[in-house]
Every structure is written in structure tokens, then in C-alpha cells.
Amino acid sequence: MLTRFGTLYAGQVHHQELGFAAPAVNDRWYDDATLATPLGVAETIAQVMDQAGYDTLWMAEHHFQREGYECIPNLLLLATHLAARTEHLRFGSGFNVLPTWHPLRLAEDYAMADILTRGRVRLGVGRGYHAREVRTFADLGPEDARELFEEQVTVLMKALHDRSFSHHGRFYQLPPEGLDYRGYQVTDLTLVPKPQFSTECWQPIVSASDRGIDFMLDHGIKGFVGGGAASGGASLEVARRWQQKKAERGQDTPLGTDLIFGFSIYLGDSVEAAMRAGKPILEEYQKMFAPLGFAGDVSDEQLARLGDPARASTAGMGTIEDAVDDGSWLVGPPERLIDALGQVQETYPGLEEVMVAQPVGAPPPVIIEQLQRFADEVMPAFGGA
């Protein structure tokens, strides 16, 4: 049953102009003071959510984002700070980009955050999709990058779960062969300190390949469907495959178990008013993420048009009406969102948590206003707020 609500804040600055006619993504380059403002915005959002009864503020890790869309490079550091400014809200890593980390450093930092916040930080991992950041930290081709990620997850889970561990793979020799320390040969390592409250881990389900789902379940990782990198809203096909894969491992679970669904939302007095307000936000999202593969199949000609404010509106991108029709956006009066989420709850009886947010590019004041209104007018229908 649906009992918990969260949101995703990727760390965007307040763009004064949004939409196809606004400045092109590559032409945005903010000064240092502006690029630091999302840290303060995250604190404001966290305090609003804490008072409103939300469960989790998920945040996105990214690097070198001078365009101002995703400006939080260290989620665990920020989450630990925000936990000290709030009472109950949890903070999720959505997601730690593993190729930018050494897996043992991530394990140590997460363990520290888990202890210092008494379990209010939730671990999440992802492969990353910005070539600028991923290849700067680990310059590998796609298949090598995938193998690196899988080995990093293996190391991370050993460190978090095992009393002591060793690992000898393609990318890591832990500990290195022939390591002498204080008169003995080191053959294993121990994470110090270890998490004391939770070792739960989440990952976006993007391609939903058998390899990807099998890998997640084999490592005890739970899945995000829709929202952020895993765009598209609820997917019955993905949820059924996830359920089937769990059953193959002897876990017979209700549909939606160990998943979080993400939706873009916009509350308004009418569907038309909400779509009007959400339209420039969707367009800003498309400008940013279509070149990264998160806006469907897009041709080179479409991408060229999206990069030109004078022609972006002629790129033939999906509309806000399309997003509402396919269920990835929930818009309109509160009763419409209550009905839609009620149908989600009925379809996925194992689902316990939903993430509702505005896409990257939404102005922080809109995020805060929408979160407050959703808490006041929608969450009570599900026992929240």
C-alpha cells in the first residue's frame, strides 16, 4: 500500500527564462555564487518537506554543471548537513555516480552518514550518463564502463555487508598482492566504521534488460522506475518483469514490491492551467536531456533545432499533452492526482513509495509551492501529511 512520498531535487539554479525560446543549454554559464545557490535551496526544500510529512528528499549527484541544471557533487555530505537542520525527513542518493568514486571511499562515506544521521540517509548507485563527468573520472568505452560499474557494486556490497573482505578483479586488487603491514601479510580488509542502521541500496531501472535486473536482484538492490534518469513514469511491463525475476529467486511478492515509482506533477485549478504552467518546464527538460537520450528517439536534426532558441519550437518534441496521456506527468486539480495515484496503488499493491517532482529546470519557488500544495491537498488521501 502506498504510504510514503518523496521528491527529487537535482540541484538546479533559478533560471529566469524557461522553455524553447529561452537561452540554449550550452549558452548558459553561471557565476560561482549562482552555482552555489542550490545548496541553500536544498535546505529550504528539506525544511518544507520535513514539516509537511514527506518521507525522503532524493538528490542527484553530478559534476562540472556550469549550465546550472545539476549542481550537487557530494550527496552524502549535503545529506548529513540537512539531517542536522531537520527532524524526521530522510535523504536519498538518487544517485551516487559510481565511476566518479572509489567504491571503498563511497562505502566509508555512506557508513559515516548512516551513523551520524541515525539512519536517515538512503544509499543509491548509478552508472552515470553525462560523458563530461563520467569520462573525466573514468575514461572508458561503454562496455568497459559497465564492467567497471558492476565490479564497483560488488566491492561496495562486500565492504558494507561482510565482516572482512577481499576482492581481486579486473579493476581492483583489494588488498594488493604482497602487502606487508606491521609484520604480517594483509589478505583481507575491514570497513571501519560499518553502517549501523541500514545497508539498503537503490538503483534506477533504465533499460530494464535481463542483465541489469538480474544484477540488481543478485546484489539485493531495489529499483526506481520513472523520475530522473529512469524517466517515463510507472511501467507495468517493468514491474511484472521485476516481480518475475524475484519469483525466480524464490521471492513471491505483490506487484510493485521493492520499487519506487517517479512521476512529474503539476497541481493547478484545472488540467489546462496545470499543463500551461508545466509546458516551459518540460521544454527546458527536453533541451537539456534530449541529447543525453532521456527524451525518446530524437534525430540529429531535432537536436540541432533544440540547440537554437529560434528553432527549438519546431523540433517536433513530445508535448505536455503527450506526457499527460502516457502517465509520466500527473497534472490538474488535487482530486485528479488523488484518483491517478489511487489507480497506481490498486495496480501495484506491493508499492509503498512514490516520488513526485518537477523535472530538472523547474524554478525552486515552483518546486516549494508544488510540494506544499501536494502535501496539503493530496497526501492526506493516503494517510500522509
Protein backbone atom coordinates (compact mmCIF):
# COMPACT_ATOMS: atom_id res chain seq x y z
CA MET A 1 0.00 0.00 0.00
CA LEU A 2 1.19 3.49 -0.84
CA THR A 3 2.19 5.19 2.41
CA ARG A 4 5.32 7.26 1.70
CA PHE A 5 6.02 10.20 -0.59
CA GLY A 6 9.28 11.81 -1.62
CA THR A 7 10.65 14.15 -4.23
CA LEU A 8 13.78 14.56 -6.34
CA TYR A 9 15.77 17.77 -6.34
CA ALA A 10 18.65 17.66 -8.80
CA GLY A 11 20.19 20.94 -7.67
CA GLN A 12 19.19 23.43 -10.36
CA VAL A 13 19.65 27.18 -10.18
CA HIS A 14 16.70 29.52 -10.72
CA HIS A 15 16.67 30.05 -14.50
CA GLN A 16 14.88 33.34 -15.08
CA GLU A 17 13.72 32.19 -18.53
CA LEU A 18 12.43 28.72 -19.38
CA GLY A 19 11.32 26.87 -22.46
CA PHE A 20 12.23 26.57 -26.11
CA ALA A 21 12.62 30.33 -26.66
CA ALA A 22 14.86 30.74 -23.60
CA PRO A 23 18.68 30.61 -23.83
CA ALA A 24 20.13 27.39 -25.20
CA VAL A 25 21.57 25.00 -22.63
CA ASN A 26 25.12 25.37 -23.94
CA ASP A 27 24.84 29.14 -23.74
CA ARG A 28 24.02 29.13 -20.03
CA TRP A 29 27.12 29.67 -17.85
CA TYR A 30 26.52 30.99 -14.37
CA ASP A 31 28.89 32.71 -11.95
CA ASP A 32 30.24 30.87 -8.93
CA ALA A 33 27.84 32.47 -6.43
CA THR A 34 24.81 31.45 -8.51
CA LEU A 35 26.08 27.91 -8.95
CA ALA A 36 26.25 27.58 -5.15
CA THR A 37 22.63 28.66 -4.58
CA PRO A 38 21.15 25.14 -4.98
CA LEU A 39 22.77 24.16 -1.68
CA GLY A 40 20.67 26.75 0.14
CA VAL A 41 17.61 25.81 -1.89
CA ALA A 42 18.07 22.18 -0.84
CA GLU A 43 17.97 23.29 2.80
CA THR A 44 14.74 25.23 2.26
CA ILE A 45 13.13 22.32 0.42
CA ALA A 46 14.19 19.91 3.16
CA GLN A 47 12.68 22.05 5.90
CA VAL A 48 9.38 22.43 4.00
CA MET A 49 9.22 18.68 3.39
CA ASP A 50 10.09 17.86 6.99
CA GLN A 51 7.22 19.98 8.27
CA ALA A 52 4.82 18.70 5.61
CA GLY A 53 5.23 15.00 6.38
CA TYR A 54 7.24 13.76 3.40
CA ASP A 55 9.45 10.70 3.77
CA THR A 56 12.50 11.33 1.57
CA LEU A 57 14.24 14.12 -0.30
CA TRP A 58 16.16 12.40 -3.08
CA MET A 59 19.00 14.40 -4.64
CA ALA A 60 21.19 13.85 -7.69
CA GLU A 61 24.99 13.77 -7.81
CA HIS A 62 26.61 15.47 -10.79
CA HIS A 63 29.83 17.28 -11.64
CA PHE A 64 31.05 20.27 -13.67
CA GLN A 65 27.49 21.52 -14.33
CA ARG A 66 28.27 25.17 -15.08
CA GLU A 67 24.98 25.40 -17.00
CA GLY A 68 23.18 25.28 -13.66
CA TYR A 69 20.97 22.18 -14.01
CA GLU A 70 22.55 19.72 -11.56
CA CYS A 71 24.91 21.36 -9.10
CA ILE A 72 25.36 18.93 -6.18
CA PRO A 73 28.65 16.99 -6.42
CA ASN A 74 28.51 15.28 -2.98
CA LEU A 75 25.16 13.94 -1.82
CA LEU A 76 26.31 12.31 1.40
CA LEU A 77 27.97 15.48 2.65
CA LEU A 78 24.88 17.56 1.89
CA ALA A 79 22.53 14.95 3.33
CA THR A 80 24.43 14.86 6.61
CA HIS A 81 24.19 18.65 6.83
CA LEU A 82 20.47 18.65 6.02
CA ALA A 83 19.74 15.97 8.59
CA ALA A 84 21.07 18.33 11.25
CA ARG A 85 18.60 21.01 10.05
CA THR A 86 15.53 18.75 10.11
CA GLU A 87 13.82 16.30 12.45
CA HIS A 88 12.38 13.38 10.54
CA LEU A 89 13.00 13.67 6.79
CA ARG A 90 15.24 11.10 5.14
CA PHE A 91 17.71 11.91 2.38
CA GLY A 92 18.25 9.69 -0.64
CA SER A 93 21.17 9.46 -3.05
CA GLY A 94 19.50 9.49 -6.41
CA PHE A 95 22.18 8.54 -7.36
CA ASN A 96 25.84 8.31 -6.42
CA VAL A 97 27.61 8.10 -9.80
CA LEU A 98 29.90 5.16 -9.12
CA PRO A 99 32.52 5.80 -11.84
CA THR A 100 33.35 9.08 -10.07
CA TRP A 101 34.11 7.20 -6.81
CA HIS A 102 36.45 4.60 -5.43
CA PRO A 103 33.90 2.09 -4.07
CA LEU A 104 35.64 1.83 -0.70
CA ARG A 105 35.56 5.60 -0.21
CA LEU A 106 31.85 5.58 -1.02
CA ALA A 107 31.31 2.76 1.48
CA GLU A 108 33.18 4.69 4.18
CA ASP A 109 31.37 7.96 3.50
CA TYR A 110 27.98 6.26 3.47
CA ALA A 111 28.72 4.44 6.73
CA MET A 112 29.67 7.75 8.36
CA ALA A 113 26.48 9.41 7.08
CA ASP A 114 24.36 6.48 8.25
CA ILE A 115 25.76 6.67 11.77
CA LEU A 116 25.79 10.46 12.12
CA THR A 117 22.19 10.80 10.90
CA ARG A 118 20.94 7.67 12.71
CA GLY A 119 19.81 6.01 9.51
CA ARG A 120 18.27 8.98 7.72
CA VAL A 121 20.45 8.69 4.60
CA ARG A 122 19.47 6.23 1.86
CA LEU A 123 22.12 4.84 -0.46
CA GLY A 124 21.66 4.79 -4.23
CA VAL A 125 24.03 3.98 -7.08
CA GLY A 126 24.03 4.67 -10.82
CA ARG A 127 26.33 4.35 -13.81
CA GLY A 128 26.03 7.99 -14.85
CA TYR A 129 25.02 9.44 -18.19
CA HIS A 130 26.97 12.70 -18.56
CA ALA A 131 30.04 11.87 -20.64
CA ARG A 132 31.74 15.01 -19.38
CA GLU A 133 31.76 13.77 -15.80
CA VAL A 134 31.96 10.01 -16.25
CA ARG A 135 34.81 10.00 -18.75
CA THR A 136 36.72 12.65 -16.82
CA PHE A 137 36.83 10.32 -13.81
CA ALA A 138 36.99 7.00 -15.72
CA ASP A 139 37.69 7.31 -19.44
CA LEU A 140 36.27 4.01 -20.68
CA GLY A 141 34.12 2.80 -23.54
CA PRO A 142 30.51 1.74 -22.86
CA GLU A 143 31.15 -1.96 -22.25
CA ASP A 144 34.22 -1.32 -20.11
CA ALA A 145 32.29 1.31 -18.15
CA ARG A 146 29.53 -1.19 -17.46
CA GLU A 147 32.05 -3.78 -16.25
CA LEU A 148 33.63 -1.14 -14.01
CA PHE A 149 30.24 -0.27 -12.50
CA GLU A 150 29.39 -3.91 -11.84
CA GLU A 151 32.75 -4.52 -10.17
CA GLN A 152 32.37 -1.35 -8.10
CA VAL A 153 28.95 -2.50 -6.86
CA THR A 154 30.41 -5.90 -5.96
CA VAL A 155 33.17 -4.25 -3.94
CA LEU A 156 30.73 -1.81 -2.31
CA MET A 157 28.41 -4.60 -1.17
CA LYS A 158 31.27 -6.70 0.20
CA ALA A 159 32.51 -3.72 2.20
CA LEU A 160 29.07 -2.88 3.60
CA HIS A 161 27.96 -6.43 4.44
CA ASP A 162 30.98 -8.64 5.16
CA ARG A 163 32.91 -8.68 8.42
CA SER A 164 36.08 -8.69 6.33
CA PHE A 165 36.54 -8.96 2.60
CA SER A 166 38.93 -9.17 -0.30
CA HIS A 167 38.40 -8.64 -4.00
CA HIS A 168 40.54 -9.45 -7.00
CA GLY A 169 39.00 -8.37 -10.28
CA ARG A 170 39.77 -6.56 -13.48
CA PHE A 171 39.83 -3.05 -12.00
CA TYR A 172 40.56 -3.56 -8.29
CA GLN A 173 43.01 -5.66 -6.29
CA LEU A 174 41.86 -5.28 -2.68
CA PRO A 175 44.14 -5.61 -0.84
CA PRO A 176 47.03 -5.55 -3.31
CA GLU A 177 49.10 -8.70 -3.59
CA GLY A 178 52.12 -8.91 -1.31
CA LEU A 179 51.07 -6.15 1.10
CA ASP A 180 53.02 -6.31 4.37
CA TYR A 181 51.70 -4.38 7.37
CA ARG A 182 53.08 -4.46 10.92
CA GLY A 183 54.78 -7.78 10.40
CA TYR A 184 52.01 -9.75 8.69
CA GLN A 185 50.71 -10.31 5.17
CA VAL A 186 47.45 -8.44 4.55
CA THR A 187 44.91 -10.74 2.88
CA ASP A 188 41.64 -9.02 3.75
CA LEU A 189 40.20 -5.63 4.71
CA THR A 190 37.51 -4.37 7.10
CA LEU A 191 35.30 -1.33 6.59
CA VAL A 192 35.60 0.94 9.64
CA PRO A 193 33.07 2.05 10.70
CA LYS A 194 30.30 -0.06 9.25
CA PRO A 195 26.76 1.24 8.77
CA GLN A 196 24.70 0.68 11.91
CA PHE A 197 21.18 1.43 10.68
CA SER A 198 20.76 0.48 7.02
CA THR A 199 22.59 -1.09 4.08
CA GLU A 200 19.57 -0.78 1.76
CA CYS A 201 20.55 0.33 -1.74
CA TRP A 202 18.60 1.69 -4.73
CA GLN A 203 19.36 1.95 -8.46
CA PRO A 204 17.44 3.37 -11.44
CA ILE A 205 15.94 0.85 -13.85
CA VAL A 206 16.67 2.44 -17.21
CA SER A 207 16.98 -0.15 -20.00
CA ALA A 208 15.27 -2.88 -17.91
CA SER A 209 17.48 -5.52 -19.55
CA ASP A 210 17.64 -9.02 -18.07
CA ARG A 211 21.31 -8.45 -17.28
CA GLY A 212 20.56 -5.24 -15.41
CA ILE A 213 17.64 -6.59 -13.37
CA ASP A 214 19.45 -9.84 -12.57
CA PHE A 215 22.47 -7.90 -11.38
CA MET A 216 20.38 -5.68 -9.11
CA LEU A 217 18.47 -8.55 -7.52
CA ASP A 218 21.60 -10.68 -7.11
CA HIS A 219 23.10 -7.83 -5.06
CA GLY A 220 19.94 -7.04 -3.10
CA ILE A 221 19.43 -3.67 -4.81
CA LYS A 222 15.95 -2.14 -5.10
CA GLY A 223 14.68 -0.25 -8.15
CA PHE A 224 13.49 3.19 -9.24
CA VAL A 225 11.04 3.27 -12.15
CA GLY A 226 10.37 6.73 -13.58
CA GLY A 227 11.81 10.01 -12.41
CA GLY A 228 15.26 11.45 -13.05
CA ALA A 229 17.44 9.16 -15.12
CA ALA A 230 14.75 6.47 -15.07
CA SER A 231 12.22 8.60 -16.94
CA GLY A 232 8.79 7.53 -18.12
CA GLY A 233 6.59 7.06 -15.08
CA ALA A 234 5.12 3.76 -13.90
CA SER A 235 5.69 0.80 -16.21
CA LEU A 236 3.53 -2.29 -15.85
CA GLU A 237 5.88 -4.29 -18.07
CA VAL A 238 8.95 -3.43 -15.99
CA ALA A 239 7.14 -4.13 -12.71
CA ARG A 240 5.96 -7.51 -13.95
CA ARG A 241 9.46 -8.48 -15.12
CA TRP A 242 10.85 -7.38 -11.77
CA GLN A 243 8.23 -9.48 -9.97
CA GLN A 244 9.01 -12.48 -12.20
CA LYS A 245 12.75 -12.18 -11.58
CA LYS A 246 12.13 -12.07 -7.83
CA ALA A 247 9.93 -15.16 -8.11
CA GLU A 248 12.77 -16.99 -9.88
CA ARG A 249 14.77 -16.40 -6.70
CA GLY A 250 12.02 -17.83 -4.50
CA GLN A 251 10.55 -14.43 -3.57
CA ASP A 252 6.82 -14.37 -4.33
CA THR A 253 5.86 -10.73 -3.84
CA PRO A 254 2.93 -8.45 -4.73
CA LEU A 255 3.42 -6.38 -7.87
CA GLY A 256 5.45 -3.24 -7.10
CA THR A 257 7.41 -4.65 -4.15
CA ASP A 258 10.90 -3.13 -3.67
CA LEU A 259 10.21 -0.47 -6.30
CA ILE A 260 9.73 3.29 -6.19
CA PHE A 261 7.77 4.98 -8.98
CA GLY A 262 8.56 8.54 -10.00
CA PHE A 263 6.13 11.00 -11.60
CA SER A 264 6.34 14.58 -12.75
CA ILE A 265 3.48 16.59 -11.26
CA TYR A 266 1.89 19.99 -11.58
CA LEU A 267 -1.10 20.93 -9.46
CA GLY A 268 -3.41 23.58 -10.87
CA ASP A 269 -7.00 24.66 -10.68
CA SER A 270 -7.63 22.84 -13.96
CA VAL A 271 -5.81 20.39 -16.20
CA GLU A 272 -5.38 23.12 -18.80
CA ALA A 273 -3.89 25.58 -16.29
CA ALA A 274 -1.50 22.96 -14.94
CA MET A 275 -0.34 21.98 -18.44
CA ARG A 276 0.18 25.63 -19.31
CA ALA A 277 2.39 26.12 -16.27
CA GLY A 278 4.27 22.86 -16.80
CA LYS A 279 4.90 23.34 -20.52
CA PRO A 280 8.03 25.57 -20.28
CA ILE A 281 9.47 23.28 -17.60
CA LEU A 282 9.06 20.25 -19.85
CA GLU A 283 10.62 22.17 -22.74
CA GLU A 284 13.61 23.14 -20.60
CA TYR A 285 13.99 19.48 -19.60
CA GLN A 286 13.90 18.41 -23.24
CA LYS A 287 16.55 20.96 -24.20
CA MET A 288 18.85 19.61 -21.51
CA PHE A 289 18.21 15.88 -21.67
CA ALA A 290 17.26 15.03 -25.26
CA PRO A 291 20.97 14.98 -26.25
CA LEU A 292 21.55 12.54 -23.37
CA GLY A 293 18.91 10.06 -24.50
CA PHE A 294 16.14 10.86 -22.00
CA ALA A 295 13.52 12.28 -24.34
CA GLY A 296 12.81 9.32 -26.59
CA ASP A 297 14.26 8.77 -30.04
CA VAL A 298 15.49 12.12 -31.30
CA SER A 299 17.19 12.76 -34.64
CA ASP A 300 20.30 14.88 -35.19
CA GLU A 301 18.12 17.46 -36.92
CA GLN A 302 15.84 17.67 -33.88
CA LEU A 303 18.83 18.11 -31.59
CA ALA A 304 20.19 20.88 -33.80
CA ARG A 305 16.85 22.69 -33.59
CA LEU A 306 16.66 22.25 -29.81
CA GLY A 307 20.01 23.98 -29.51
CA ASP A 308 18.70 27.08 -31.29
CA PRO A 309 16.09 29.16 -29.40
CA ALA A 310 14.77 30.50 -32.70
CA ARG A 311 14.02 26.98 -33.99
CA ALA A 312 13.57 24.83 -30.86
CA SER A 313 9.78 25.00 -31.01
CA THR A 314 9.92 23.38 -34.48
CA ALA A 315 11.93 20.34 -33.28
CA GLY A 316 8.84 18.14 -33.07
CA MET A 317 9.36 17.05 -29.48
CA GLY A 318 6.72 15.35 -27.37
CA THR A 319 4.27 17.78 -25.83
CA ILE A 320 2.97 18.19 -22.30
CA GLU A 321 -0.28 16.66 -23.57
CA ASP A 322 1.68 13.57 -24.67
CA ALA A 323 3.33 13.31 -21.24
CA VAL A 324 -0.04 13.53 -19.50
CA ASP A 325 -1.54 10.92 -21.83
CA ASP A 326 1.29 8.41 -21.25
CA GLY A 327 1.06 8.84 -17.47
CA SER A 328 4.55 10.21 -16.80
CA TRP A 329 3.05 13.60 -15.83
CA LEU A 330 0.17 13.91 -13.36
CA VAL A 331 -1.44 17.32 -13.66
CA GLY A 332 -4.59 19.19 -12.68
CA PRO A 333 -6.67 19.67 -9.52
CA PRO A 334 -5.85 17.64 -6.39
CA GLU A 335 -8.73 15.21 -6.90
CA ARG A 336 -7.33 14.25 -10.30
CA LEU A 337 -3.92 13.40 -8.77
CA ILE A 338 -5.60 11.53 -5.92
CA ASP A 339 -7.52 9.44 -8.45
CA ALA A 340 -4.42 8.74 -10.56
CA LEU A 341 -2.34 7.70 -7.56
CA GLY A 342 -5.23 5.62 -6.28
CA GLN A 343 -5.20 3.70 -9.56
CA VAL A 344 -1.42 3.23 -9.21
CA GLN A 345 -1.95 1.89 -5.70
CA GLU A 346 -4.63 -0.52 -6.92
CA THR A 347 -2.50 -1.77 -9.83
CA TYR A 348 0.66 -2.19 -7.73
CA PRO A 349 -0.39 -3.49 -4.30
CA GLY A 350 3.24 -4.03 -3.25
CA LEU A 351 4.20 -0.41 -3.93
CA GLU A 352 4.88 1.58 -0.76
CA GLU A 353 6.60 4.73 -2.01
CA VAL A 354 6.13 7.26 -4.80
CA MET A 355 8.40 10.15 -5.78
CA VAL A 356 6.65 13.26 -7.12
CA ALA A 357 8.64 16.13 -8.58
CA GLN A 358 9.03 18.73 -11.29
CA PRO A 359 11.65 17.93 -13.94
CA VAL A 360 15.12 19.44 -13.85
CA GLY A 361 14.79 23.09 -14.84
CA ALA A 362 11.79 23.89 -12.64
CA PRO A 363 12.36 27.09 -10.66
CA PRO A 364 12.93 26.45 -6.93
CA PRO A 365 9.94 28.63 -5.88
CA VAL A 366 7.69 26.44 -8.05
CA ILE A 367 9.16 23.29 -6.51
CA ILE A 368 8.47 24.54 -3.00
CA GLU A 369 4.94 25.75 -3.80
CA GLN A 370 4.04 22.48 -5.51
CA LEU A 371 5.46 20.34 -2.69
CA GLN A 372 3.47 22.27 -0.10
CA ARG A 373 0.25 22.07 -2.10
CA PHE A 374 0.71 18.34 -2.77
CA ALA A 375 1.25 17.73 0.95
CA ASP A 376 -1.79 19.77 1.91
CA GLU A 377 -4.23 18.56 -0.74
CA VAL A 378 -3.14 15.12 -1.97
CA MET A 379 -1.14 13.29 0.69
CA PRO A 380 -3.94 13.22 3.30
CA ALA A 381 -5.92 10.96 0.98
CA PHE A 382 -3.19 8.34 1.51
CA GLY A 383 -2.72 8.84 5.23
CA GLY A 384 0.18 11.28 4.81
CA ALA A 385 0.95 14.81 5.99
